Amino acid sequence: QVQLVESGGGLVQPGGSLRLSCAASRSGFSIYAMGWYRQAPRKQRELVATLTSGGSTNYADSVKGRFTISRDNAKNTVFLQMNSLKPEDTAVYYCNVQLYSGSAYIWGQGTQVTVSS
């Protein structure tokens, strides 16, 4: 069973930056897709960004140009660089992986990101 460990959340002022990391508990095999979702209070969980092992990315329109997803395939770790943060980016951010195409999602425990002055 693969487990995910997230880090990097916190409190930041509007316009600031944060970098989230998520490491899978096992390495030595290729994970099909890794990504990030977020859930704000009283809202549904939504996709932020995903990145496949082949390099295909998908971003929510609300974060395009501000957030960048990347991964270290050797370490099965995914990163989310968040720049120009806005108060509306405040949410719990969840790491998500699919071990292979069509497989069930595996979720991290979530990390809080708060953007406030």
C-alpha atoms as a PDB file:
ATOM      1  CA  GLN A   1       0.000   0.000   0.000  1.00  0.00           C
ATOM      2  CA  VAL A   2       1.383   3.405  -0.984  1.00  0.00           C
ATOM      3  CA  GLN A   3       1.025   6.241   1.474  1.00  0.00           C
ATOM      4  CA  LEU A   4       1.546   9.933   0.768  1.00  0.00           C
ATOM      5  CA  VAL A   5       3.264  12.438   3.027  1.00  0.00           C
ATOM      6  CA  GLU A   6       2.611  16.103   2.345  1.00  0.00           C
ATOM      7  CA  SER A   7       4.480  19.154   3.584  1.00  0.00           C
ATOM      8  CA  GLY A   8       4.889  22.852   2.886  1.00  0.00           C
ATOM      9  CA  GLY A   9       1.564  24.403   3.816  1.00  0.00           C
ATOM     10  CA  GLY A  10       1.203  27.438   6.040  1.00  0.00           C
ATOM     11  CA  LEU A  11       0.170  31.056   6.320  1.00  0.00           C
ATOM     12  CA  VAL A  12       1.276  33.527   3.664  1.00  0.00           C
ATOM     13  CA  GLN A  13       0.336  37.077   2.729  1.00  0.00           C
ATOM     14  CA  PRO A  14      -1.422  37.840  -0.558  1.00  0.00           C
ATOM     15  CA  GLY A  15       1.093  37.949  -3.368  1.00  0.00           C
ATOM     16  CA  GLY A  16       3.407  35.560  -1.584  1.00  0.00           C
ATOM     17  CA  SER A  17       4.619  32.085  -2.484  1.00  0.00           C
ATOM     18  CA  LEU A  18       4.567  28.590  -1.048  1.00  0.00           C
ATOM     19  CA  ARG A  19       5.893  25.250  -2.237  1.00  0.00           C
ATOM     20  CA  LEU A  20       4.070  22.060  -1.407  1.00  0.00           C
ATOM     21  CA  SER A  21       5.702  18.642  -1.508  1.00  0.00           C
ATOM     22  CA  CYS A  22       4.221  15.172  -1.497  1.00  0.00           C
ATOM     23  CA  ALA A  23       6.301  12.017  -1.273  1.00  0.00           C
ATOM     24  CA  ALA A  24       5.054   8.500  -1.871  1.00  0.00           C
ATOM     25  CA  SER A  25       6.125   5.962   0.725  1.00  0.00           C
ATOM     26  CA  ARG A  26       7.544   3.641  -1.918  1.00  0.00           C
ATOM     27  CA  SER A  27       9.953   4.306  -4.732  1.00  0.00           C
ATOM     28  CA  GLY A  28      11.512   2.203  -7.445  1.00  0.00           C
ATOM     29  CA  PHE A  29       8.424   2.071  -9.618  1.00  0.00           C
ATOM     30  CA  SER A  30       6.740   4.560 -11.915  1.00  0.00           C
ATOM     31  CA  ILE A  31       3.572   6.294 -10.765  1.00  0.00           C
ATOM     32  CA  TYR A  32       1.231   7.124 -13.642  1.00  0.00           C
ATOM     33  CA  ALA A  33      -0.147  10.447 -12.389  1.00  0.00           C
ATOM     34  CA  MET A  34       0.492  12.714  -9.429  1.00  0.00           C
ATOM     35  CA  GLY A  35      -1.341  15.868  -8.598  1.00  0.00           C
ATOM     36  CA  TRP A  36      -2.996  18.254  -6.224  1.00  0.00           C
ATOM     37  CA  TYR A  37      -6.593  19.003  -5.319  1.00  0.00           C
ATOM     38  CA  ARG A  38      -7.927  21.513  -2.828  1.00  0.00           C
ATOM     39  CA  GLN A  39     -11.016  22.014  -0.724  1.00  0.00           C
ATOM     40  CA  ALA A  40     -12.070  25.339   0.713  1.00  0.00           C
ATOM     41  CA  PRO A  41     -14.606  25.611   3.542  1.00  0.00           C
ATOM     42  CA  ARG A  42     -18.154  24.837   2.368  1.00  0.00           C
ATOM     43  CA  LYS A  43     -16.926  24.010  -1.133  1.00  0.00           C
ATOM     44  CA  GLN A  44     -16.334  20.806  -3.058  1.00  0.00           C
ATOM     45  CA  ARG A  45     -12.885  19.419  -3.586  1.00  0.00           C
ATOM     46  CA  GLU A  46     -11.477  20.665  -6.881  1.00  0.00           C
ATOM     47  CA  LEU A  47      -8.555  19.845  -9.111  1.00  0.00           C
ATOM     48  CA  VAL A  48      -5.578  22.191  -8.926  1.00  0.00           C
ATOM     49  CA  ALA A  49      -3.004  20.486 -11.142  1.00  0.00           C
ATOM     50  CA  THR A  50      -1.933  17.053 -12.324  1.00  0.00           C
ATOM     51  CA  LEU A  51       1.155  15.707 -14.036  1.00  0.00           C
ATOM     52  CA  THR A  52       1.528  12.303 -15.665  1.00  0.00           C
ATOM     53  CA  SER A  53       4.696  10.278 -15.928  1.00  0.00           C
ATOM     54  CA  GLY A  54       4.720  11.200 -19.614  1.00  0.00           C
ATOM     55  CA  GLY A  55       4.826  14.901 -18.831  1.00  0.00           C
ATOM     56  CA  SER A  56       1.231  15.876 -19.562  1.00  0.00           C
ATOM     57  CA  THR A  57      -0.099  18.591 -17.290  1.00  0.00           C
ATOM     58  CA  ASN A  58      -3.562  19.807 -16.446  1.00  0.00           C
ATOM     59  CA  TYR A  59      -4.222  22.994 -14.475  1.00  0.00           C
ATOM     60  CA  ALA A  60      -7.351  24.596 -13.133  1.00  0.00           C
ATOM     61  CA  ASP A  61      -8.023  27.854 -14.958  1.00  0.00           C
ATOM     62  CA  SER A  62      -7.886  29.734 -11.675  1.00  0.00           C
ATOM     63  CA  VAL A  63      -4.219  28.817 -11.089  1.00  0.00           C
ATOM     64  CA  LYS A  64      -2.795  28.903 -14.612  1.00  0.00           C
ATOM     65  CA  GLY A  65       0.216  31.177 -14.819  1.00  0.00           C
ATOM     66  CA  ARG A  66       0.617  31.241 -11.025  1.00  0.00           C
ATOM     67  CA  PHE A  67       1.101  27.609  -9.992  1.00  0.00           C
ATOM     68  CA  THR A  68       3.574  25.103 -11.392  1.00  0.00           C
ATOM     69  CA  ILE A  69       3.490  21.361 -10.827  1.00  0.00           C
ATOM     70  CA  SER A  70       6.607  19.244 -11.112  1.00  0.00           C
ATOM     71  CA  ARG A  71       7.773  15.829 -10.000  1.00  0.00           C
ATOM     72  CA  ASP A  72      10.877  13.872  -9.158  1.00  0.00           C
ATOM     73  CA  ASN A  73      10.153  10.483 -10.681  1.00  0.00           C
ATOM     74  CA  ALA A  74      13.141   8.812  -9.041  1.00  0.00           C
ATOM     75  CA  LYS A  75      11.787   9.714  -5.608  1.00  0.00           C
ATOM     76  CA  ASN A  76       8.080   9.554  -6.505  1.00  0.00           C
ATOM     77  CA  THR A  77       7.653  13.066  -5.182  1.00  0.00           C
ATOM     78  CA  VAL A  78       5.425  15.776  -6.584  1.00  0.00           C
ATOM     79  CA  PHE A  79       5.742  19.507  -5.958  1.00  0.00           C
ATOM     80  CA  LEU A  80       3.403  22.454  -6.336  1.00  0.00           C
ATOM     81  CA  GLN A  81       5.035  25.866  -6.579  1.00  0.00           C
ATOM     82  CA  MET A  82       2.408  28.481  -5.807  1.00  0.00           C
ATOM     83  CA  ASN A  83       3.182  32.109  -6.647  1.00  0.00           C
ATOM     84  CA  SER A  84       1.091  35.271  -6.528  1.00  0.00           C
ATOM     85  CA  LEU A  85      -1.174  33.677  -3.957  1.00  0.00           C
ATOM     86  CA  LYS A  86      -4.634  35.124  -3.421  1.00  0.00           C
ATOM     87  CA  PRO A  87      -7.028  34.841  -0.470  1.00  0.00           C
ATOM     88  CA  GLU A  88      -9.252  32.636  -2.622  1.00  0.00           C
ATOM     89  CA  ASP A  89      -6.435  30.079  -2.771  1.00  0.00           C
ATOM     90  CA  THR A  90      -7.026  29.396   0.910  1.00  0.00           C
ATOM     91  CA  ALA A  91      -7.919  25.728   1.281  1.00  0.00           C
ATOM     92  CA  VAL A  92      -6.735  22.339   2.417  1.00  0.00           C
ATOM     93  CA  TYR A  93      -4.525  20.991  -0.352  1.00  0.00           C
ATOM     94  CA  TYR A  94      -4.531  17.240  -0.964  1.00  0.00           C
ATOM     95  CA  CYS A  95      -1.935  15.248  -2.811  1.00  0.00           C
ATOM     96  CA  ASN A  96      -3.336  12.593  -5.133  1.00  0.00           C
ATOM     97  CA  VAL A  97      -1.785   9.792  -7.163  1.00  0.00           C
ATOM     98  CA  GLN A  98      -2.889   7.138  -9.600  1.00  0.00           C
ATOM     99  CA  LEU A  99      -0.459   4.248  -9.668  1.00  0.00           C
ATOM    100  CA  TYR A 100      -1.492   3.389 -13.212  1.00  0.00           C
ATOM    101  CA  SER A 101      -4.030   4.693 -15.710  1.00  0.00           C
ATOM    102  CA  GLY A 102      -7.567   4.014 -14.508  1.00  0.00           C
ATOM    103  CA  SER A 103      -6.586   2.912 -11.032  1.00  0.00           C
ATOM    104  CA  ALA A 104      -8.181   4.251  -7.884  1.00  0.00           C
ATOM    105  CA  TYR A 105      -6.955   7.521  -6.476  1.00  0.00           C
ATOM    106  CA  ILE A 106      -4.745   7.505  -3.401  1.00  0.00           C
ATOM    107  CA  TRP A 107      -5.027  10.584  -1.225  1.00  0.00           C
ATOM    108  CA  GLY A 108      -2.718  12.338   1.201  1.00  0.00           C
ATOM    109  CA  GLN A 109      -3.877  13.666   4.554  1.00  0.00           C
ATOM    110  CA  GLY A 110      -4.009  17.274   3.372  1.00  0.00           C
ATOM    111  CA  THR A 111      -2.079  20.393   4.244  1.00  0.00           C
ATOM    112  CA  GLN A 112      -3.606  23.765   5.087  1.00  0.00           C
ATOM    113  CA  VAL A 113      -2.754  26.795   2.988  1.00  0.00           C
ATOM    114  CA  THR A 114      -4.001  30.135   4.276  1.00  0.00           C
ATOM    115  CA  VAL A 115      -3.549  33.355   2.322  1.00  0.00           C
ATOM    116  CA  SER A 116      -4.292  36.334   4.491  1.00  0.00           C
ATOM    117  CA  SER A 117      -2.884  39.691   5.503  1.00  0.00           C
END
